[in-house]
Amino acid sequence: MSNQHVVKREGEWAVRKESATRDTAIFDTQSEAAEAAKRIATNQGGDVIIHDRHGLIRERNTYGKPDPYPPKG
């Protein structure tokens, strides 16, 4: 599982994997960054932690990997 953080960076918003040293991607808006973080977390499994412009956690959502063997019916 890999947690993705959405953080403010000098007038832009970044997605960064927890404990990574570099940002995964940079976006103009927080909502664009949050959508990208959600796609990553859904694919890899993990949390999306959205920080406000002051660095405080504003929202946290957990996404699991899709079940490769879903039940029938």
Protein backbone atom coordinates (compact mmCIF):
# COMPACT_ATOMS: atom_id res chain seq x y z
CA MET A 1 0.00 0.00 0.00
CA SER A 2 1.26 3.44 -0.82
CA ASN A 3 -0.16 6.58 0.69
CA GLN A 4 -0.37 9.65 -1.53
CA HIS A 5 -0.19 13.17 -0.12
CA VAL A 6 -1.61 16.26 -1.86
CA VAL A 7 0.44 19.25 -0.74
CA LYS A 8 0.89 22.94 -1.64
CA ARG A 9 4.10 23.80 -3.51
CA GLU A 10 4.91 27.44 -4.38
CA GLY A 11 1.55 28.32 -5.93
CA GLU A 12 0.89 24.82 -7.28
CA TRP A 13 -0.29 21.51 -5.85
CA ALA A 14 1.77 18.33 -5.81
CA VAL A 15 1.14 14.63 -5.33
CA ARG A 16 3.85 12.90 -3.34
CA LYS A 17 4.12 9.29 -2.25
CA GLU A 18 4.66 8.94 1.48
CA SER A 19 8.38 8.84 2.35
CA ALA A 20 9.39 9.82 -1.21
CA THR A 21 12.01 12.49 -1.73
CA ARG A 22 10.47 13.91 -4.93
CA ASP A 23 6.96 14.85 -6.01
CA THR A 24 5.14 12.41 -8.28
CA ALA A 25 3.33 15.15 -10.23
CA ILE A 26 2.55 18.88 -10.08
CA PHE A 27 -0.86 20.44 -10.85
CA ASP A 28 -2.37 23.92 -11.05
CA THR A 29 -5.27 23.13 -8.70
CA GLN A 30 -5.80 21.07 -5.59
CA SER A 31 -8.72 19.23 -7.17
CA GLU A 32 -6.58 18.09 -10.12
CA ALA A 33 -3.91 16.84 -7.72
CA ALA A 34 -6.52 15.07 -5.58
CA GLU A 35 -7.96 13.25 -8.62
CA ALA A 36 -4.49 12.11 -9.68
CA ALA A 37 -3.72 10.92 -6.15
CA LYS A 38 -7.02 9.02 -6.08
CA ARG A 39 -6.16 7.24 -9.35
CA ILE A 40 -2.76 6.23 -7.99
CA ALA A 41 -4.16 5.05 -4.65
CA THR A 42 -6.93 3.08 -6.36
CA ASN A 43 -4.39 1.38 -8.60
CA GLN A 44 -1.83 0.62 -5.88
CA GLY A 45 -4.07 0.55 -2.81
CA GLY A 46 -3.56 3.08 -0.03
CA ASP A 47 -4.71 6.39 1.39
CA VAL A 48 -5.05 9.84 -0.12
CA ILE A 49 -4.18 12.52 2.41
CA ILE A 50 -5.16 16.01 1.28
CA HIS A 51 -3.44 18.89 3.07
CA ASP A 52 -4.72 22.46 3.15
CA ARG A 53 -2.56 25.40 2.07
CA HIS A 54 -1.08 25.59 5.58
CA GLY A 55 0.00 21.92 5.57
CA LEU A 56 -2.70 20.64 7.93
CA ILE A 57 -4.56 17.46 6.99
CA ARG A 58 -7.95 18.44 5.58
CA GLU A 59 -9.21 15.08 4.35
CA ARG A 60 -8.16 11.42 4.30
CA ASN A 61 -9.66 8.65 2.18
CA THR A 62 -8.70 4.99 1.86
CA TYR A 63 -8.78 3.16 -1.47
CA GLY A 64 -8.24 -0.55 -1.90
CA LYS A 65 -6.95 -2.35 -4.91
CA PRO A 66 -9.75 -3.76 -7.07
CA ASP A 67 -10.57 -7.37 -6.24
CA PRO A 68 -9.07 -9.54 -9.03
CA TYR A 69 -11.65 -12.26 -8.26
CA PRO A 70 -14.97 -10.51 -7.49
CA PRO A 71 -17.91 -12.73 -6.50
CA LYS A 72 -20.35 -13.68 -9.23
CA GLY A 73 -23.95 -12.54 -9.15
